[in-house]
Amino acid sequence: LIDVKVTPQKDVGFDSIAERVYRFPQARSVYLASGEYDLAVLVVGKSEHEIADFVSQKLATIEGVQGTATHFILKRYKEDGEILAEVEEVKRQQMVL
């Protein structure tokens, strides 16, 4: 997850920069957010290094991007409404049977 601080552009606000970001294939989701950062970008990559390269070489170099903060997901507990620990337990039980 990458938080992005941007300078809004005259007449288009955040939309123009958001469009440049969502055109990258690495950008899975792009959201306008409130708070310290303006955009929240969910990115995918084969490794942390690949994601870091994307942020430093592509995302941070877009005109109007003031800064970024990168967060890596360490463990998933619930995703898309599904509690992942329960899914894993069911899989373990099925393997035992």
PDB file of N, CA and C in Angstrom:
ATOM      1  N   LEU A   1       0.860  -1.167   0.000  1.00  0.00           N
ATOM      2  CA  LEU A   1       0.000   0.000   0.000  1.00  0.00           C
ATOM      3  C   LEU A   1       0.903   1.225   0.000  1.00  0.00           C
ATOM      4  N   ILE A   2       0.668   2.119  -0.945  1.00  0.00           N
ATOM      5  CA  ILE A   2       1.476   3.327  -1.062  1.00  0.00           C
ATOM      6  C   ILE A   2       0.580   4.539  -0.833  1.00  0.00           C
ATOM      7  N   ASP A   3       0.943   5.360   0.137  1.00  0.00           N
ATOM      8  CA  ASP A   3       0.278   6.644   0.342  1.00  0.00           C
ATOM      9  C   ASP A   3       1.030   7.674  -0.490  1.00  0.00           C
ATOM     10  N   VAL A   4       0.288   8.524  -1.185  1.00  0.00           N
ATOM     11  CA  VAL A   4       0.905   9.500  -2.085  1.00  0.00           C
ATOM     12  C   VAL A   4       0.371  10.890  -1.766  1.00  0.00           C
ATOM     13  N   LYS A   5       1.282  11.826  -1.541  1.00  0.00           N
ATOM     14  CA  LYS A   5       0.913  13.230  -1.333  1.00  0.00           C
ATOM     15  C   LYS A   5       1.136  13.952  -2.654  1.00  0.00           C
ATOM     16  N   VAL A   6       0.098  14.653  -3.125  1.00  0.00           N
ATOM     17  CA  VAL A   6       0.195  15.320  -4.424  1.00  0.00           C
ATOM     18  C   VAL A   6      -0.238  16.776  -4.324  1.00  0.00           C
ATOM     19  N   THR A   7       0.176  17.560  -5.303  1.00  0.00           N
ATOM     20  CA  THR A   7      -0.284  18.933  -5.448  1.00  0.00           C
ATOM     21  C   THR A   7      -1.459  18.918  -6.415  1.00  0.00           C
ATOM     22  N   PRO A   8      -2.657  19.305  -5.956  1.00  0.00           N
ATOM     23  CA  PRO A   8      -3.800  19.317  -6.873  1.00  0.00           C
ATOM     24  C   PRO A   8      -3.544  20.287  -8.024  1.00  0.00           C
ATOM     25  N   GLN A   9      -4.036  19.928  -9.200  1.00  0.00           N
ATOM     26  CA  GLN A   9      -3.833  20.765 -10.373  1.00  0.00           C
ATOM     27  C   GLN A   9      -5.072  21.617 -10.643  1.00  0.00           C
ATOM     28  N   LYS A  10      -4.833  22.801 -11.171  1.00  0.00           N
ATOM     29  CA  LYS A  10      -5.920  23.737 -11.453  1.00  0.00           C
ATOM     30  C   LYS A  10      -6.947  23.097 -12.381  1.00  0.00           C
ATOM     31  N   ASP A  11      -8.200  23.256 -12.044  1.00  0.00           N
ATOM     32  CA  ASP A  11      -9.369  22.796 -12.808  1.00  0.00           C
ATOM     33  C   ASP A  11      -9.604  21.287 -12.771  1.00  0.00           C
ATOM     34  N   VAL A  12      -8.617  20.478 -12.407  1.00  0.00           N
ATOM     35  CA  VAL A  12      -8.831  19.022 -12.382  1.00  0.00           C
ATOM     36  C   VAL A  12      -8.558  18.408 -11.014  1.00  0.00           C
ATOM     37  N   GLY A  13      -8.026  19.199 -10.088  1.00  0.00           N
ATOM     38  CA  GLY A  13      -7.764  18.688  -8.743  1.00  0.00           C
ATOM     39  C   GLY A  13      -6.791  17.521  -8.754  1.00  0.00           C
ATOM     40  N   PHE A  14      -7.226  16.404  -8.189  1.00  0.00           N
ATOM     41  CA  PHE A  14      -6.379  15.218  -8.070  1.00  0.00           C
ATOM     42  C   PHE A  14      -6.557  14.249  -9.242  1.00  0.00           C
ATOM     43  N   ASP A  15      -7.578  14.474 -10.055  1.00  0.00           N
ATOM     44  CA  ASP A  15      -7.954  13.499 -11.083  1.00  0.00           C
ATOM     45  C   ASP A  15      -6.851  13.210 -12.098  1.00  0.00           C
ATOM     46  N   SER A  16      -6.149  14.226 -12.546  1.00  0.00           N
ATOM     47  CA  SER A  16      -5.128  14.039 -13.573  1.00  0.00           C
ATOM     48  C   SER A  16      -3.980  13.161 -13.069  1.00  0.00           C
ATOM     49  N   ILE A  17      -3.537  13.432 -11.851  1.00  0.00           N
ATOM     50  CA  ILE A  17      -2.453  12.621 -11.285  1.00  0.00           C
ATOM     51  C   ILE A  17      -2.956  11.219 -10.974  1.00  0.00           C
ATOM     52  N   ALA A  18      -4.168  11.104 -10.459  1.00  0.00           N
ATOM     53  CA  ALA A  18      -4.735   9.781 -10.184  1.00  0.00           C
ATOM     54  C   ALA A  18      -4.807   8.955 -11.465  1.00  0.00           C
ATOM     55  N   GLU A  19      -5.166   9.586 -12.570  1.00  0.00           N
ATOM     56  CA  GLU A  19      -5.236   8.860 -13.841  1.00  0.00           C
ATOM     57  C   GLU A  19      -3.861   8.358 -14.271  1.00  0.00           C
ATOM     58  N   ARG A  20      -2.849   9.178 -14.116  1.00  0.00           N
ATOM     59  CA  ARG A  20      -1.492   8.732 -14.462  1.00  0.00           C
ATOM     60  C   ARG A  20      -1.099   7.532 -13.615  1.00  0.00           C
ATOM     61  N   VAL A  21      -1.482   7.558 -12.341  1.00  0.00           N
ATOM     62  CA  VAL A  21      -1.139   6.454 -11.441  1.00  0.00           C
ATOM     63  C   VAL A  21      -1.911   5.197 -11.824  1.00  0.00           C
ATOM     64  N   TYR A  22      -3.216   5.295 -12.054  1.00  0.00           N
ATOM     65  CA  TYR A  22      -3.988   4.075 -12.304  1.00  0.00           C
ATOM     66  C   TYR A  22      -3.708   3.461 -13.667  1.00  0.00           C
ATOM     67  N   ARG A  23      -3.012   4.153 -14.529  1.00  0.00           N
ATOM     68  CA  ARG A  23      -2.615   3.584 -15.826  1.00  0.00           C
ATOM     69  C   ARG A  23      -1.446   2.592 -15.693  1.00  0.00           C
ATOM     70  N   PHE A  24      -0.698   2.663 -14.607  1.00  0.00           N
ATOM     71  CA  PHE A  24       0.394   1.705 -14.396  1.00  0.00           C
ATOM     72  C   PHE A  24      -0.192   0.324 -14.100  1.00  0.00           C
ATOM     73  N   PRO A  25       0.316  -0.730 -14.716  1.00  0.00           N
ATOM     74  CA  PRO A  25      -0.211  -2.071 -14.433  1.00  0.00           C
ATOM     75  C   PRO A  25       0.037  -2.515 -12.988  1.00  0.00           C
ATOM     76  N   GLN A  26       1.024  -1.951 -12.335  1.00  0.00           N
ATOM     77  CA  GLN A  26       1.312  -2.310 -10.940  1.00  0.00           C
ATOM     78  C   GLN A  26       0.266  -1.771  -9.976  1.00  0.00           C
ATOM     79  N   ALA A  27      -0.472  -0.744 -10.389  1.00  0.00           N
ATOM     80  CA  ALA A  27      -1.491  -0.128  -9.529  1.00  0.00           C
ATOM     81  C   ALA A  27      -2.778  -0.946  -9.618  1.00  0.00           C
ATOM     82  N   ARG A  28      -3.033  -1.740  -8.592  1.00  0.00           N
ATOM     83  CA  ARG A  28      -4.233  -2.585  -8.571  1.00  0.00           C
ATOM     84  C   ARG A  28      -5.467  -1.748  -8.246  1.00  0.00           C
ATOM     85  N   SER A  29      -5.346  -0.806  -7.301  1.00  0.00           N
ATOM     86  CA  SER A  29      -6.452   0.074  -6.903  1.00  0.00           C
ATOM     87  C   SER A  29      -5.878   1.446  -6.568  1.00  0.00           C
ATOM     88  N   VAL A  30      -6.653   2.498  -6.858  1.00  0.00           N
ATOM     89  CA  VAL A  30      -6.244   3.870  -6.532  1.00  0.00           C
ATOM     90  C   VAL A  30      -7.448   4.577  -5.923  1.00  0.00           C
ATOM     91  N   TYR A  31      -7.244   5.178  -4.743  1.00  0.00           N
ATOM     92  CA  TYR A  31      -8.326   5.836  -4.010  1.00  0.00           C
ATOM     93  C   TYR A  31      -7.918   7.257  -3.637  1.00  0.00           C
ATOM     94  N   LEU A  32      -8.860   8.203  -3.715  1.00  0.00           N
ATOM     95  CA  LEU A  32      -8.671   9.525  -3.134  1.00  0.00           C
ATOM     96  C   LEU A  32      -8.979   9.386  -1.655  1.00  0.00           C
ATOM     97  N   ALA A  33      -8.091   9.880  -0.811  1.00  0.00           N
ATOM     98  CA  ALA A  33      -8.235   9.685   0.632  1.00  0.00           C
ATOM     99  C   ALA A  33      -8.173  11.024   1.363  1.00  0.00           C
ATOM    100  N   SER A  34      -8.720  11.044   2.566  1.00  0.00           N
ATOM    101  CA  SER A  34      -8.575  12.215   3.425  1.00  0.00           C
ATOM    102  C   SER A  34      -7.393  11.961   4.352  1.00  0.00           C
ATOM    103  N   GLY A  35      -6.880  13.028   4.933  1.00  0.00           N
ATOM    104  CA  GLY A  35      -5.774  12.870   5.868  1.00  0.00           C
ATOM    105  C   GLY A  35      -4.485  13.452   5.321  1.00  0.00           C
ATOM    106  N   GLU A  36      -3.375  12.978   5.856  1.00  0.00           N
ATOM    107  CA  GLU A  36      -2.061  13.516   5.509  1.00  0.00           C
ATOM    108  C   GLU A  36      -1.699  13.275   4.041  1.00  0.00           C
ATOM    109  N   TYR A  37      -2.110  12.146   3.499  1.00  0.00           N
ATOM    110  CA  TYR A  37      -1.827  11.813   2.103  1.00  0.00           C
ATOM    111  C   TYR A  37      -3.111  11.890   1.289  1.00  0.00           C
ATOM    112  N   ASP A  38      -2.967  12.119  -0.005  1.00  0.00           N
ATOM    113  CA  ASP A  38      -4.126  12.357  -0.864  1.00  0.00           C
ATOM    114  C   ASP A  38      -4.613  11.113  -1.598  1.00  0.00           C
ATOM    115  N   LEU A  39      -3.694  10.270  -2.038  1.00  0.00           N
ATOM    116  CA  LEU A  39      -4.049   9.054  -2.754  1.00  0.00           C
ATOM    117  C   LEU A  39      -3.544   7.840  -1.990  1.00  0.00           C
ATOM    118  N   ALA A  40      -4.331   6.784  -2.008  1.00  0.00           N
ATOM    119  CA  ALA A  40      -3.906   5.484  -1.481  1.00  0.00           C
ATOM    120  C   ALA A  40      -3.861   4.546  -2.680  1.00  0.00           C
ATOM    121  N   VAL A  41      -2.711   3.928  -2.901  1.00  0.00           N
ATOM    122  CA  VAL A  41      -2.505   3.095  -4.081  1.00  0.00           C
ATOM    123  C   VAL A  41      -2.122   1.690  -3.637  1.00  0.00           C
ATOM    124  N   LEU A  42      -2.932   0.724  -4.011  1.00  0.00           N
ATOM    125  CA  LEU A  42      -2.618  -0.679  -3.748  1.00  0.00           C
ATOM    126  C   LEU A  42      -1.841  -1.187  -4.953  1.00  0.00           C
ATOM    127  N   VAL A  43      -0.598  -1.580  -4.731  1.00  0.00           N
ATOM    128  CA  VAL A  43       0.248  -2.039  -5.835  1.00  0.00           C
ATOM    129  C   VAL A  43       0.591  -3.512  -5.662  1.00  0.00           C
ATOM    130  N   VAL A  44       0.905  -4.152  -6.778  1.00  0.00           N
ATOM    131  CA  VAL A  44       1.333  -5.546  -6.757  1.00  0.00           C
ATOM    132  C   VAL A  44       2.705  -5.638  -7.406  1.00  0.00           C
ATOM    133  N   GLY A  45       3.484  -6.585  -6.924  1.00  0.00           N
ATOM    134  CA  GLY A  45       4.802  -6.841  -7.483  1.00  0.00           C
ATOM    135  C   GLY A  45       5.283  -8.197  -7.030  1.00  0.00           C
ATOM    136  N   LYS A  46       6.305  -8.708  -7.696  1.00  0.00           N
ATOM    137  CA  LYS A  46       6.841 -10.028  -7.368  1.00  0.00           C
ATOM    138  C   LYS A  46       7.671 -10.018  -6.088  1.00  0.00           C
ATOM    139  N   SER A  47       8.153  -8.831  -5.693  1.00  0.00           N
ATOM    140  CA  SER A  47       8.997  -8.734  -4.499  1.00  0.00           C
ATOM    141  C   SER A  47       8.909  -7.320  -3.934  1.00  0.00           C
ATOM    142  N   GLU A  48       9.392  -7.168  -2.706  1.00  0.00           N
ATOM    143  CA  GLU A  48       9.452  -5.835  -2.109  1.00  0.00           C
ATOM    144  C   GLU A  48      10.375  -4.941  -2.928  1.00  0.00           C
ATOM    145  N   HIS A  49      11.448  -5.518  -3.444  1.00  0.00           N
ATOM    146  CA  HIS A  49      12.397  -4.752  -4.259  1.00  0.00           C
ATOM    147  C   HIS A  49      11.729  -4.220  -5.532  1.00  0.00           C
ATOM    148  N   GLU A  50      10.925  -5.056  -6.178  1.00  0.00           N
ATOM    149  CA  GLU A  50      10.223  -4.628  -7.393  1.00  0.00           C
ATOM    150  C   GLU A  50       9.248  -3.489  -7.089  1.00  0.00           C
ATOM    151  N   ILE A  51       8.560  -3.579  -5.967  1.00  0.00           N
ATOM    152  CA  ILE A  51       7.632  -2.515  -5.569  1.00  0.00           C
ATOM    153  C   ILE A  51       8.400  -1.238  -5.250  1.00  0.00           C
ATOM    154  N   ALA A  52       9.508  -1.362  -4.539  1.00  0.00           N
ATOM    155  CA  ALA A  52      10.326  -0.191  -4.216  1.00  0.00           C
ATOM    156  C   ALA A  52      10.832   0.488  -5.486  1.00  0.00           C
ATOM    157  N   ASP A  53      11.246  -0.300  -6.474  1.00  0.00           N
ATOM    158  CA  ASP A  53      11.683   0.271  -7.752  1.00  0.00           C
ATOM    159  C   ASP A  53      10.540   1.012  -8.442  1.00  0.00           C
ATOM    160  N   PHE A  54       9.348   0.426  -8.421  1.00  0.00           N
ATOM    161  CA  PHE A  54       8.185   1.083  -9.024  1.00  0.00           C
ATOM    162  C   PHE A  54       7.927   2.433  -8.356  1.00  0.00           C
ATOM    163  N   VAL A  55       7.961   2.448  -7.029  1.00  0.00           N
ATOM    164  CA  VAL A  55       7.688   3.691  -6.301  1.00  0.00           C
ATOM    165  C   VAL A  55       8.745   4.743  -6.618  1.00  0.00           C
ATOM    166  N   SER A  56      10.016   4.373  -6.556  1.00  0.00           N
ATOM    167  CA  SER A  56      11.078   5.364  -6.733  1.00  0.00           C
ATOM    168  C   SER A  56      11.267   5.795  -8.184  1.00  0.00           C
ATOM    169  N   GLN A  57      11.053   4.890  -9.131  1.00  0.00           N
ATOM    170  CA  GLN A  57      11.329   5.214 -10.530  1.00  0.00           C
ATOM    171  C   GLN A  57      10.109   5.700 -11.311  1.00  0.00           C
ATOM    172  N   LYS A  58       8.927   5.269 -10.928  1.00  0.00           N
ATOM    173  CA  LYS A  58       7.719   5.621 -11.691  1.00  0.00           C
ATOM    174  C   LYS A  58       6.796   6.564 -10.912  1.00  0.00           C
ATOM    175  N   LEU A  59       6.402   6.136  -9.716  1.00  0.00           N
ATOM    176  CA  LEU A  59       5.392   6.869  -8.958  1.00  0.00           C
ATOM    177  C   LEU A  59       5.918   8.201  -8.427  1.00  0.00           C
ATOM    178  N   ALA A  60       7.054   8.176  -7.763  1.00  0.00           N
ATOM    179  CA  ALA A  60       7.585   9.386  -7.132  1.00  0.00           C
ATOM    180  C   ALA A  60       8.065  10.420  -8.142  1.00  0.00           C
ATOM    181  N   THR A  61       8.283  10.005  -9.381  1.00  0.00           N
ATOM    182  CA  THR A  61       8.790  10.938 -10.391  1.00  0.00           C
ATOM    183  C   THR A  61       7.685  11.651 -11.173  1.00  0.00           C
ATOM    184  N   ILE A  62       6.430  11.316 -10.902  1.00  0.00           N
ATOM    185  CA  ILE A  62       5.317  11.996 -11.575  1.00  0.00           C
ATOM    186  C   ILE A  62       5.272  13.451 -11.112  1.00  0.00           C
ATOM    187  N   GLU A  63       5.157  14.364 -12.076  1.00  0.00           N
ATOM    188  CA  GLU A  63       5.065  15.777 -11.728  1.00  0.00           C
ATOM    189  C   GLU A  63       3.829  16.008 -10.869  1.00  0.00           C
ATOM    190  N   GLY A  64       4.007  16.675  -9.746  1.00  0.00           N
ATOM    191  CA  GLY A  64       2.913  16.929  -8.820  1.00  0.00           C
ATOM    192  C   GLY A  64       2.922  16.014  -7.613  1.00  0.00           C
ATOM    193  N   VAL A  65       3.695  14.931  -7.665  1.00  0.00           N
ATOM    194  CA  VAL A  65       3.815  14.045  -6.500  1.00  0.00           C
ATOM    195  C   VAL A  65       4.839  14.656  -5.557  1.00  0.00           C
ATOM    196  N   GLN A  66       4.402  14.969  -4.341  1.00  0.00           N
ATOM    197  CA  GLN A  66       5.273  15.592  -3.345  1.00  0.00           C
ATOM    198  C   GLN A  66       6.010  14.564  -2.498  1.00  0.00           C
ATOM    199  N   GLY A  67       5.401  13.409  -2.284  1.00  0.00           N
ATOM    200  CA  GLY A  67       6.036  12.396  -1.450  1.00  0.00           C
ATOM    201  C   GLY A  67       5.201  11.139  -1.383  1.00  0.00           C
ATOM    202  N   THR A  68       5.832  10.079  -0.896  1.00  0.00           N
ATOM    203  CA  THR A  68       5.152   8.791  -0.767  1.00  0.00           C
ATOM    204  C   THR A  68       5.518   8.147   0.565  1.00  0.00           C
ATOM    205  N   ALA A  69       4.676   7.242   1.007  1.00  0.00           N
ATOM    206  CA  ALA A  69       4.961   6.397   2.174  1.00  0.00           C
ATOM    207  C   ALA A  69       4.533   4.982   1.791  1.00  0.00           C
ATOM    208  N   THR A  70       5.462   4.053   1.886  1.00  0.00           N
ATOM    209  CA  THR A  70       5.208   2.678   1.465  1.00  0.00           C
ATOM    210  C   THR A  70       4.957   1.806   2.681  1.00  0.00           C
ATOM    211  N   HIS A  71       3.898   1.011   2.606  1.00  0.00           N
ATOM    212  CA  HIS A  71       3.543   0.085   3.681  1.00  0.00           C
ATOM    213  C   HIS A  71       3.423  -1.310   3.077  1.00  0.00           C
ATOM    214  N   PHE A  72       4.094  -2.284   3.673  1.00  0.00           N
ATOM    215  CA  PHE A  72       3.982  -3.666   3.216  1.00  0.00           C
ATOM    216  C   PHE A  72       3.071  -4.432   4.158  1.00  0.00           C
ATOM    217  N   ILE A  73       2.179  -5.230   3.607  1.00  0.00           N
ATOM    218  CA  ILE A  73       1.274  -6.061   4.402  1.00  0.00           C
ATOM    219  C   ILE A  73       2.068  -7.258   4.915  1.00  0.00           C
ATOM    220  N   LEU A  74       2.119  -7.424   6.209  1.00  0.00           N
ATOM    221  CA  LEU A  74       2.876  -8.518   6.810  1.00  0.00           C
ATOM    222  C   LEU A  74       2.037  -9.772   7.013  1.00  0.00           C
ATOM    223  N   LYS A  75       0.761  -9.578   7.332  1.00  0.00           N
ATOM    224  CA  LYS A  75      -0.119 -10.725   7.550  1.00  0.00           C
ATOM    225  C   LYS A  75      -1.546 -10.289   7.255  1.00  0.00           C
ATOM    226  N   ARG A  76      -2.300 -11.164   6.609  1.00  0.00           N
ATOM    227  CA  ARG A  76      -3.700 -10.893   6.304  1.00  0.00           C
ATOM    228  C   ARG A  76      -4.571 -11.666   7.290  1.00  0.00           C
ATOM    229  N   TYR A  77      -5.539 -10.991   7.893  1.00  0.00           N
ATOM    230  CA  TYR A  77      -6.472 -11.625   8.822  1.00  0.00           C
ATOM    231  C   TYR A  77      -7.860 -11.783   8.199  1.00  0.00           C
ATOM    232  N   LYS A  78      -8.265 -10.778   7.434  1.00  0.00           N
ATOM    233  CA  LYS A  78      -9.574 -10.797   6.795  1.00  0.00           C
ATOM    234  C   LYS A  78      -9.444 -10.072   5.464  1.00  0.00           C
ATOM    235  N   GLU A  79     -10.019 -10.658   4.419  1.00  0.00           N
ATOM    236  CA  GLU A  79      -9.922 -10.050   3.104  1.00  0.00           C
ATOM    237  C   GLU A  79     -11.216 -10.292   2.343  1.00  0.00           C
ATOM    238  N   ASP A  80     -11.760  -9.222   1.768  1.00  0.00           N
ATOM    239  CA  ASP A  80     -13.010  -9.307   1.009  1.00  0.00           C
ATOM    240  C   ASP A  80     -14.121  -9.984   1.806  1.00  0.00           C
ATOM    241  N   GLY A  81     -14.194  -9.676   3.098  1.00  0.00           N
ATOM    242  CA  GLY A  81     -15.253 -10.209   3.955  1.00  0.00           C
ATOM    243  C   GLY A  81     -14.992 -11.601   4.487  1.00  0.00           C
ATOM    244  N   GLU A  82     -13.895 -12.211   4.102  1.00  0.00           N
ATOM    245  CA  GLU A  82     -13.605 -13.582   4.519  1.00  0.00           C
ATOM    246  C   GLU A  82     -12.502 -13.588   5.576  1.00  0.00           C
ATOM    247  N   ILE A  83     -12.787 -14.229   6.714  1.00  0.00           N
ATOM    248  CA  ILE A  83     -11.799 -14.350   7.780  1.00  0.00           C
ATOM    249  C   ILE A  83     -10.835 -15.456   7.373  1.00  0.00           C
ATOM    250  N   LEU A  84      -9.596 -15.105   7.177  1.00  0.00           N
ATOM    251  CA  LEU A  84      -8.635 -16.034   6.594  1.00  0.00           C
ATOM    252  C   LEU A  84      -8.216 -17.142   7.547  1.00  0.00           C
ATOM    253  N   ALA A  85      -8.194 -16.891   8.843  1.00  0.00           N
ATOM    254  CA  ALA A  85      -7.828 -17.936   9.803  1.00  0.00           C
ATOM    255  C   ALA A  85      -8.844 -19.070   9.759  1.00  0.00           C
ATOM    256  N   GLU A  86     -10.113 -18.745   9.585  1.00  0.00           N
ATOM    257  CA  GLU A  86     -11.155 -19.774   9.511  1.00  0.00           C
ATOM    258  C   GLU A  86     -11.013 -20.598   8.235  1.00  0.00           C
ATOM    259  N   VAL A  87     -10.652 -19.968   7.143  1.00  0.00           N
ATOM    260  CA  VAL A  87     -10.457 -20.680   5.879  1.00  0.00           C
ATOM    261  C   VAL A  87      -9.298 -21.661   6.006  1.00  0.00           C
ATOM    262  N   GLU A  88      -8.217 -21.223   6.620  1.00  0.00           N
ATOM    263  CA  GLU A  88      -7.058 -22.102   6.807  1.00  0.00           C
ATOM    264  C   GLU A  88      -7.402 -23.289   7.695  1.00  0.00           C
ATOM    265  N   GLU A  89      -8.208 -23.067   8.730  1.00  0.00           N
ATOM    266  CA  GLU A  89      -8.601 -24.159   9.623  1.00  0.00           C
ATOM    267  C   GLU A  89      -9.435 -25.194   8.873  1.00  0.00           C
ATOM    268  N   VAL A  90     -10.352 -24.748   8.046  1.00  0.00           N
ATOM    269  CA  VAL A  90     -11.170 -25.671   7.248  1.00  0.00           C
ATOM    270  C   VAL A  90     -10.276 -26.473   6.307  1.00  0.00           C
ATOM    271  N   LYS A  91      -9.312 -25.829   5.676  1.00  0.00           N
ATOM    272  CA  LYS A  91      -8.390 -26.530   4.773  1.00  0.00           C
ATOM    273  C   LYS A  91      -7.591 -27.588   5.525  1.00  0.00           C
ATOM    274  N   ARG A  92      -7.132 -27.256   6.735  1.00  0.00           N
ATOM    275  CA  ARG A  92      -6.367 -28.224   7.544  1.00  0.00           C
ATOM    276  C   ARG A  92      -7.229 -29.420   7.900  1.00  0.00           C
ATOM    277  N   GLN A  93      -8.488 -29.162   8.278  1.00  0.00           N
ATOM    278  CA  GLN A  93      -9.392 -30.255   8.641  1.00  0.00           C
ATOM    279  C   GLN A  93      -9.671 -31.147   7.440  1.00  0.00           C
ATOM    280  N   GLN A  94      -9.820 -30.572   6.268  1.00  0.00           N
ATOM    281  CA  GLN A  94     -10.076 -31.355   5.068  1.00  0.00           C
ATOM    282  C   GLN A  94      -8.876 -32.224   4.710  1.00  0.00           C
ATOM    283  N   MET A  95      -7.684 -31.742   4.977  1.00  0.00           N
ATOM    284  CA  MET A  95      -6.480 -32.514   4.682  1.00  0.00           C
ATOM    285  C   MET A  95      -6.362 -33.719   5.605  1.00  0.00           C
ATOM    286  N   VAL A  96      -6.835 -33.581   6.839  1.00  0.00           N
ATOM    287  CA  VAL A  96      -6.761 -34.662   7.817  1.00  0.00           C
ATOM    288  C   VAL A  96      -7.749 -35.765   7.462  1.00  0.00           C
ATOM    289  N   LEU A  97      -8.905 -35.391   6.939  1.00  0.00           N
ATOM    290  CA  LEU A  97      -9.928 -36.378   6.591  1.00  0.00           C
ATOM    291  C   LEU A  97      -9.458 -37.161   5.441  1.00  0.00           C
TER     292      LEU A  97
END
